[in-house]
């Protein structure tokens, strides 16, 4: 990992951690429990402390940081799509796809 990338991760983490309660946007946290880039416990803290009314978390046991490069990436992608359907509704998800 590049030095600038590490610096930005630390800078953002230092700001976000004490400000989790101010997070109000919908979000879906998908940490891998074997992630060595970010702390999966911080993901759990975000989920528990955020003020967002629509939030979900799914831990992937033994997975690393970049979940969409895991062999199970199709299953993970489907979890993301399912969450989008739940949040946006099927019609709105189709609109998002058409804009990609």
N, C-alpha and C. Protein backbone atom coordinates (compact mmCIF):
# COMPACT_ATOMS: atom_id res chain seq x y z
N UNK A 1 0.84 -1.16 0.00
CA UNK A 1 0.00 0.00 0.00
C UNK A 1 0.89 1.24 0.00
N UNK A 2 0.47 2.24 -0.75
CA UNK A 2 1.27 3.47 -0.84
C UNK A 2 1.15 4.31 0.44
N UNK A 3 2.17 5.10 0.68
CA UNK A 3 2.22 5.93 1.89
C UNK A 3 1.04 6.90 1.93
N UNK A 4 0.74 7.54 0.82
CA UNK A 4 -0.37 8.50 0.79
C UNK A 4 -1.69 7.79 1.10
N UNK A 5 -1.88 6.61 0.57
CA UNK A 5 -3.10 5.85 0.85
C UNK A 5 -3.21 5.54 2.34
N UNK A 6 -2.12 5.09 2.93
CA UNK A 6 -2.10 4.80 4.37
C UNK A 6 -2.42 6.06 5.17
N UNK A 7 -1.82 7.16 4.77
CA UNK A 7 -2.07 8.43 5.46
C UNK A 7 -3.54 8.81 5.40
N UNK A 8 -4.16 8.68 4.24
CA UNK A 8 -5.57 9.04 4.09
C UNK A 8 -6.46 8.12 4.91
N UNK A 9 -6.16 6.83 4.93
CA UNK A 9 -6.94 5.90 5.75
C UNK A 9 -6.87 6.29 7.21
N UNK A 10 -5.68 6.60 7.69
CA UNK A 10 -5.52 7.01 9.09
C UNK A 10 -6.24 8.33 9.37
N UNK A 11 -6.13 9.27 8.45
CA UNK A 11 -6.77 10.58 8.63
C UNK A 11 -8.29 10.43 8.71
N UNK A 12 -8.85 9.69 7.79
CA UNK A 12 -10.30 9.49 7.76
C UNK A 12 -10.75 8.71 8.99
N UNK A 13 -10.02 7.67 9.34
CA UNK A 13 -10.37 6.87 10.52
C UNK A 13 -10.34 7.70 11.79
N UNK A 14 -9.34 8.55 11.91
CA UNK A 14 -9.22 9.41 13.09
C UNK A 14 -10.41 10.35 13.20
N UNK A 15 -10.91 10.82 12.06
CA UNK A 15 -12.08 11.70 12.08
C UNK A 15 -13.36 10.91 12.31
N UNK A 16 -13.54 9.81 11.60
CA UNK A 16 -14.81 9.09 11.63
C UNK A 16 -15.12 8.41 12.96
N UNK A 17 -14.15 7.76 13.53
CA UNK A 17 -14.41 6.96 14.72
C UNK A 17 -15.15 7.74 15.81
N UNK A 18 -14.70 8.92 16.20
CA UNK A 18 -15.45 9.64 17.23
C UNK A 18 -16.75 10.28 16.72
N UNK A 19 -16.97 10.22 15.40
CA UNK A 19 -18.15 10.86 14.81
C UNK A 19 -19.15 9.86 14.23
N UNK A 20 -19.06 8.59 14.61
CA UNK A 20 -19.99 7.59 14.09
C UNK A 20 -21.44 7.99 14.32
N UNK A 21 -21.73 8.62 15.45
CA UNK A 21 -23.11 8.98 15.79
C UNK A 21 -23.71 9.98 14.79
N UNK A 22 -22.87 10.68 14.06
CA UNK A 22 -23.37 11.67 13.10
C UNK A 22 -23.70 11.05 11.74
N UNK A 23 -23.44 9.77 11.56
CA UNK A 23 -23.74 9.10 10.28
C UNK A 23 -25.23 8.81 10.22
N UNK A 24 -25.91 9.43 9.25
CA UNK A 24 -27.36 9.26 9.14
C UNK A 24 -27.79 8.68 7.79
N UNK A 25 -26.88 8.54 6.86
CA UNK A 25 -27.22 7.99 5.55
C UNK A 25 -27.37 6.47 5.64
N UNK A 26 -28.17 5.89 4.76
CA UNK A 26 -28.26 4.42 4.74
C UNK A 26 -26.91 3.82 4.35
N UNK A 27 -26.58 2.68 4.96
CA UNK A 27 -25.33 2.02 4.61
C UNK A 27 -25.39 0.53 4.91
N UNK A 28 -24.52 -0.19 4.22
CA UNK A 28 -24.38 -1.64 4.37
C UNK A 28 -22.90 -1.91 4.56
N UNK A 29 -22.53 -2.39 5.73
CA UNK A 29 -21.13 -2.66 6.04
C UNK A 29 -20.88 -4.14 5.79
N UNK A 30 -19.82 -4.44 5.04
CA UNK A 30 -19.50 -5.82 4.69
C UNK A 30 -18.04 -6.10 5.01
N UNK A 31 -17.69 -6.27 6.26
CA UNK A 31 -16.29 -6.54 6.58
C UNK A 31 -15.94 -8.02 6.48
N UNK A 32 -14.72 -8.28 6.04
CA UNK A 32 -14.17 -9.62 6.14
C UNK A 32 -13.49 -9.74 7.49
N UNK A 33 -13.70 -10.85 8.18
CA UNK A 33 -13.14 -10.98 9.53
C UNK A 33 -11.62 -11.12 9.53
N UNK A 34 -11.03 -11.47 8.38
CA UNK A 34 -9.56 -11.59 8.28
C UNK A 34 -8.93 -10.36 7.64
N UNK A 35 -9.70 -9.28 7.53
CA UNK A 35 -9.22 -8.03 6.93
C UNK A 35 -8.06 -7.48 7.76
N UNK A 36 -6.94 -7.18 7.07
CA UNK A 36 -5.79 -6.59 7.74
C UNK A 36 -5.58 -5.13 7.35
N UNK A 37 -6.50 -4.60 6.52
CA UNK A 37 -6.42 -3.20 6.12
C UNK A 37 -7.27 -2.35 7.06
N UNK A 38 -8.49 -2.80 7.30
CA UNK A 38 -9.36 -2.11 8.26
C UNK A 38 -9.77 -3.10 9.35
N UNK A 39 -10.09 -2.59 10.50
CA UNK A 39 -10.46 -3.42 11.64
C UNK A 39 -11.93 -3.79 11.56
N UNK A 40 -12.26 -5.08 11.44
CA UNK A 40 -13.66 -5.48 11.40
C UNK A 40 -14.45 -5.02 12.64
N UNK A 41 -13.78 -4.86 13.77
CA UNK A 41 -14.47 -4.37 14.96
C UNK A 41 -14.91 -2.92 14.79
N UNK A 42 -14.15 -2.14 14.03
CA UNK A 42 -14.55 -0.75 13.75
C UNK A 42 -15.82 -0.74 12.90
N UNK A 43 -15.96 -1.70 12.00
CA UNK A 43 -17.19 -1.81 11.20
C UNK A 43 -18.38 -2.08 12.11
N UNK A 44 -18.17 -2.94 13.07
CA UNK A 44 -19.24 -3.26 14.02
C UNK A 44 -19.58 -2.02 14.87
N UNK A 45 -18.55 -1.28 15.26
CA UNK A 45 -18.79 -0.05 16.03
C UNK A 45 -19.59 0.95 15.21
N UNK A 46 -19.23 1.11 13.94
CA UNK A 46 -19.99 2.01 13.06
C UNK A 46 -21.45 1.59 13.02
N UNK A 47 -21.68 0.30 12.81
CA UNK A 47 -23.06 -0.19 12.74
C UNK A 47 -23.81 0.09 14.05
N UNK A 48 -23.17 -0.18 15.17
CA UNK A 48 -23.84 -0.02 16.47
C UNK A 48 -24.07 1.44 16.85
N UNK A 49 -23.18 2.33 16.46
CA UNK A 49 -23.23 3.71 16.93
C UNK A 49 -23.88 4.69 15.96
N UNK A 50 -23.93 4.36 14.69
CA UNK A 50 -24.46 5.30 13.70
C UNK A 50 -25.94 5.59 13.95
N UNK A 51 -26.33 6.82 13.68
CA UNK A 51 -27.71 7.24 13.88
C UNK A 51 -28.62 6.84 12.73
N UNK A 52 -28.06 6.32 11.66
CA UNK A 52 -28.85 5.94 10.49
C UNK A 52 -29.96 4.98 10.88
N UNK A 53 -31.15 5.23 10.33
CA UNK A 53 -32.28 4.34 10.58
C UNK A 53 -32.23 3.11 9.70
N UNK A 54 -31.56 3.20 8.58
CA UNK A 54 -31.48 2.07 7.65
C UNK A 54 -30.02 1.68 7.51
N UNK A 55 -29.64 0.66 8.25
CA UNK A 55 -28.25 0.20 8.23
C UNK A 55 -28.25 -1.30 8.41
N UNK A 56 -27.28 -1.92 7.80
CA UNK A 56 -27.12 -3.37 7.90
C UNK A 56 -25.64 -3.70 7.95
N UNK A 57 -25.35 -4.87 8.49
CA UNK A 57 -23.97 -5.36 8.54
C UNK A 57 -24.00 -6.86 8.26
N UNK A 58 -23.02 -7.31 7.52
CA UNK A 58 -22.84 -8.74 7.29
C UNK A 58 -21.35 -9.02 7.32
N UNK A 59 -20.93 -9.83 8.26
CA UNK A 59 -19.52 -10.21 8.37
C UNK A 59 -19.27 -11.45 7.54
N UNK A 60 -18.15 -11.45 6.83
CA UNK A 60 -17.75 -12.58 6.00
C UNK A 60 -16.57 -13.25 6.68
N UNK A 61 -16.84 -14.38 7.30
CA UNK A 61 -15.85 -15.08 8.12
C UNK A 61 -14.66 -15.56 7.28
N UNK A 62 -13.47 -15.12 7.69
CA UNK A 62 -12.24 -15.54 7.04
C UNK A 62 -11.88 -14.77 5.78
N UNK A 63 -12.72 -13.84 5.37
CA UNK A 63 -12.45 -13.09 4.14
C UNK A 63 -11.56 -11.89 4.44
N UNK A 64 -10.84 -11.44 3.39
CA UNK A 64 -9.92 -10.32 3.51
C UNK A 64 -10.62 -9.00 3.21
N UNK A 65 -9.86 -7.97 2.89
CA UNK A 65 -10.38 -6.61 2.72
C UNK A 65 -11.22 -6.43 1.45
N UNK A 66 -10.72 -6.87 0.33
CA UNK A 66 -11.38 -6.61 -0.95
C UNK A 66 -12.30 -7.77 -1.30
N UNK A 67 -13.51 -7.73 -0.78
CA UNK A 67 -14.44 -8.84 -0.88
C UNK A 67 -14.78 -9.22 -2.32
N UNK A 68 -14.79 -8.26 -3.21
CA UNK A 68 -15.18 -8.57 -4.59
C UNK A 68 -14.05 -9.21 -5.40
N UNK A 69 -12.93 -9.51 -4.74
CA UNK A 69 -11.87 -10.30 -5.36
C UNK A 69 -11.77 -11.67 -4.71
N UNK A 70 -12.66 -11.98 -3.79
CA UNK A 70 -12.72 -13.31 -3.17
C UNK A 70 -13.36 -14.28 -4.16
N UNK A 71 -13.06 -15.58 -4.03
CA UNK A 71 -13.70 -16.56 -4.92
C UNK A 71 -15.23 -16.52 -4.83
N UNK A 72 -15.76 -16.12 -3.70
CA UNK A 72 -17.22 -16.06 -3.50
C UNK A 72 -17.81 -14.71 -3.91
N UNK A 73 -17.12 -13.99 -4.79
CA UNK A 73 -17.54 -12.64 -5.15
C UNK A 73 -18.96 -12.57 -5.71
N UNK A 74 -19.42 -13.61 -6.40
CA UNK A 74 -20.79 -13.58 -6.94
C UNK A 74 -21.81 -13.56 -5.81
N UNK A 75 -21.58 -14.36 -4.78
CA UNK A 75 -22.46 -14.38 -3.61
C UNK A 75 -22.45 -13.02 -2.90
N UNK A 76 -21.27 -12.45 -2.77
CA UNK A 76 -21.14 -11.14 -2.11
C UNK A 76 -21.84 -10.06 -2.93
N UNK A 77 -21.64 -10.09 -4.24
CA UNK A 77 -22.31 -9.13 -5.12
C UNK A 77 -23.83 -9.28 -5.00
N UNK A 78 -24.31 -10.51 -4.90
CA UNK A 78 -25.75 -10.73 -4.74
C UNK A 78 -26.25 -10.18 -3.42
N UNK A 79 -25.45 -10.30 -2.37
CA UNK A 79 -25.82 -9.71 -1.07
C UNK A 79 -25.98 -8.20 -1.21
N UNK A 80 -25.09 -7.57 -1.96
CA UNK A 80 -25.16 -6.11 -2.17
C UNK A 80 -26.41 -5.76 -2.98
N UNK A 81 -26.66 -6.51 -4.03
CA UNK A 81 -27.85 -6.27 -4.86
C UNK A 81 -29.12 -6.46 -4.04
N UNK A 82 -29.16 -7.52 -3.23
CA UNK A 82 -30.33 -7.75 -2.38
C UNK A 82 -30.56 -6.60 -1.41
N UNK A 83 -29.46 -6.06 -0.86
CA UNK A 83 -29.58 -4.93 0.05
C UNK A 83 -30.12 -3.71 -0.69
N UNK A 84 -29.64 -3.49 -1.90
CA UNK A 84 -30.13 -2.37 -2.70
C UNK A 84 -31.62 -2.52 -2.99
N UNK A 85 -32.04 -3.74 -3.31
CA UNK A 85 -33.47 -3.98 -3.55
C UNK A 85 -34.27 -3.65 -2.29
N UNK A 86 -33.77 -4.08 -1.15
CA UNK A 86 -34.46 -3.84 0.11
C UNK A 86 -34.54 -2.34 0.40
N UNK A 87 -33.49 -1.63 0.12
CA UNK A 87 -33.44 -0.20 0.42
C UNK A 87 -34.19 0.63 -0.62
N UNK A 88 -33.95 0.34 -1.88
CA UNK A 88 -34.47 1.18 -2.96
C UNK A 88 -35.75 0.68 -3.59
N UNK A 89 -36.02 -0.61 -3.47
CA UNK A 89 -37.12 -1.20 -4.19
C UNK A 89 -36.66 -1.62 -5.57
N UNK A 90 -37.26 -2.64 -6.12
CA UNK A 90 -36.81 -3.24 -7.39
C UNK A 90 -36.78 -2.23 -8.53
N UNK A 91 -37.79 -1.38 -8.65
CA UNK A 91 -37.84 -0.41 -9.74
C UNK A 91 -36.70 0.59 -9.69
N UNK A 92 -36.39 1.05 -8.50
CA UNK A 92 -35.31 2.02 -8.36
C UNK A 92 -33.94 1.40 -8.63
N UNK A 93 -33.77 0.13 -8.26
CA UNK A 93 -32.50 -0.55 -8.54
C UNK A 93 -32.32 -0.66 -10.05
N UNK A 94 -33.39 -0.96 -10.78
CA UNK A 94 -33.30 -1.03 -12.24
C UNK A 94 -32.86 0.31 -12.81
N UNK A 95 -33.34 1.41 -12.24
CA UNK A 95 -32.92 2.74 -12.69
C UNK A 95 -31.44 2.97 -12.44
N UNK A 96 -30.95 2.51 -11.30
CA UNK A 96 -29.52 2.65 -10.99
C UNK A 96 -28.71 1.86 -12.00
N UNK A 97 -29.12 0.61 -12.29
CA UNK A 97 -28.40 -0.22 -13.27
C UNK A 97 -28.37 0.45 -14.63
N UNK A 98 -29.47 1.06 -15.04
CA UNK A 98 -29.53 1.65 -16.38
C UNK A 98 -28.60 2.86 -16.51
N UNK A 99 -28.20 3.44 -15.39
CA UNK A 99 -27.31 4.60 -15.42
C UNK A 99 -25.84 4.21 -15.37
N UNK A 100 -25.56 2.93 -15.15
CA UNK A 100 -24.16 2.47 -15.06
C UNK A 100 -23.60 2.18 -16.43
